[in-house]
Protein backbone atom coordinates (compact mmCIF):
# COMPACT_ATOMS: atom_id res chain seq x y z
CA MET A 1 86.51 115.35 29.97
CA ARG A 2 84.03 113.73 28.48
CA LEU A 3 80.02 113.83 29.18
CA ASP A 4 79.53 110.53 27.30
CA GLY A 5 75.80 109.36 28.40
CA ASN A 6 74.90 112.63 30.20
CA SER A 7 71.81 114.55 29.11
CA ILE A 8 72.05 118.19 29.80
CA LEU A 9 69.00 120.75 29.51
CA VAL A 10 69.83 124.20 28.26
CA ALA A 11 67.25 126.92 29.12
CA ASP A 12 67.88 129.86 27.89
CA ALA A 13 65.81 132.69 25.50
CA ASP A 14 69.25 133.61 23.91
CA THR A 15 69.46 131.25 21.18
CA VAL A 16 72.90 132.27 19.66
CA TYR A 17 74.32 131.73 23.21
CA SER A 18 72.45 128.79 24.18
CA SER A 19 73.47 127.12 20.65
CA GLN A 20 77.11 127.51 21.30
CA LEU A 21 76.77 125.98 24.66
CA ARG A 22 74.88 123.32 23.52
CA ASP A 23 77.47 122.49 20.31
CA ALA A 24 80.42 122.73 23.02
CA LEU A 25 78.53 120.04 25.13
CA CYS A 26 77.24 118.01 22.14
CA ARG A 27 81.11 117.88 21.37
CA GLN A 28 81.81 116.41 24.41
CA GLY A 29 79.46 113.81 23.95
CA ALA A 30 76.20 115.13 26.22
CA SER A 31 72.96 114.62 24.45
CA CYS A 32 71.71 118.29 24.70
CA PHE A 33 68.02 119.73 24.64
CA HIS A 34 67.30 123.39 24.33
CA ALA A 35 64.11 125.26 26.09
CA THR A 36 63.52 129.22 25.56
CA ASP A 37 60.97 129.54 28.46
CA ILE A 38 60.02 127.94 31.62
CA ASN A 39 57.09 126.18 29.92
CA SER A 40 59.30 124.34 27.61
CA ALA A 41 61.39 123.67 30.09
CA LYS A 42 58.75 121.97 32.24
CA GLU A 43 57.56 119.86 29.59
CA LEU A 44 60.93 118.47 28.37
CA ILE A 45 61.98 117.74 32.22
CA GLY A 46 58.53 115.89 32.35
CA LYS A 47 59.77 114.02 29.49
CA TYR A 48 63.00 112.93 30.14
CA ASN A 49 65.24 112.56 33.21
CA PHE A 50 68.15 115.33 33.05
CA ASP A 51 71.52 115.09 34.76
CA VAL A 52 72.30 118.88 34.76
CA VAL A 53 69.94 121.48 33.84
CA ILE A 54 71.60 125.04 32.84
CA ALA A 55 69.27 128.00 32.91
CA ASN A 56 69.03 131.40 32.68
CA TYR A 57 68.18 132.83 36.11
CA TYR A 58 65.25 135.20 34.34
CA LEU A 59 63.14 133.30 31.57
CA SER A 60 60.56 135.49 29.84
CA ASP A 61 57.74 133.48 31.70
CA GLY A 62 59.33 133.19 35.29
CA ILE A 63 62.83 132.49 36.74
CA ILE A 64 64.25 128.92 37.43
CA HIS A 65 63.56 128.25 40.96
CA GLU A 66 60.01 127.09 38.98
CA LEU A 67 61.43 124.14 37.61
CA LYS A 68 62.22 122.85 40.85
CA GLY A 69 59.90 119.86 41.79
CA THR A 70 59.21 118.65 38.19
CA GLY A 71 59.46 115.88 36.20
CA PRO A 72 59.93 112.08 36.71
CA GLY A 73 62.71 112.11 39.37
CA ARG A 74 62.01 115.33 40.17
CA LEU A 75 64.48 118.12 39.68
CA GLY A 76 67.02 118.08 42.74
CA ARG A 77 66.50 114.34 43.12
CA ASP A 78 68.13 111.27 42.35
CA SER A 79 65.26 109.04 42.05
CA SER A 80 67.39 106.33 41.26
CA ARG A 81 69.04 106.40 44.73
CA SER A 82 66.58 108.40 46.57
CA LYS A 83 69.09 110.79 47.77
CA ARG A 84 69.38 114.80 47.54
CA VAL A 85 71.42 115.40 44.81
CA PRO A 86 73.60 118.24 45.34
CA GLU A 87 71.79 121.75 43.37
CA ARG A 88 73.25 125.06 42.64
CA ILE A 89 70.95 127.98 41.50
CA SER A 90 72.90 131.38 41.10
CA ALA A 91 71.68 134.28 39.39
CA GLY A 92 75.31 135.24 38.09
CA ASN A 93 75.98 138.18 39.78
CA GLU A 94 76.11 137.35 43.04
CA ARG A 95 78.94 137.83 45.67
CA SER A 96 81.07 134.93 47.27
CA GLY A 97 81.75 135.23 50.95
């Protein structure tokens, strides 16, 4: 699957992991950005309208829920069609069922 035309923000303090993830996504055609904390992520979200945000649940200065409601199209909203965009926030250790 190609990701041509998609913009993706990877927010993670682990620079080795985030670098590997960004490299893999970019090889598939995505435009990738990186933030190491909530403030950096908010700044980037304020400048760009990301298709996907991949974030570690806990960052050095907060949790990813603090990113909701930021940015030109407001994260979690598709401003071009004025409808809710599917959203999934996971700590990575939750149980299904």
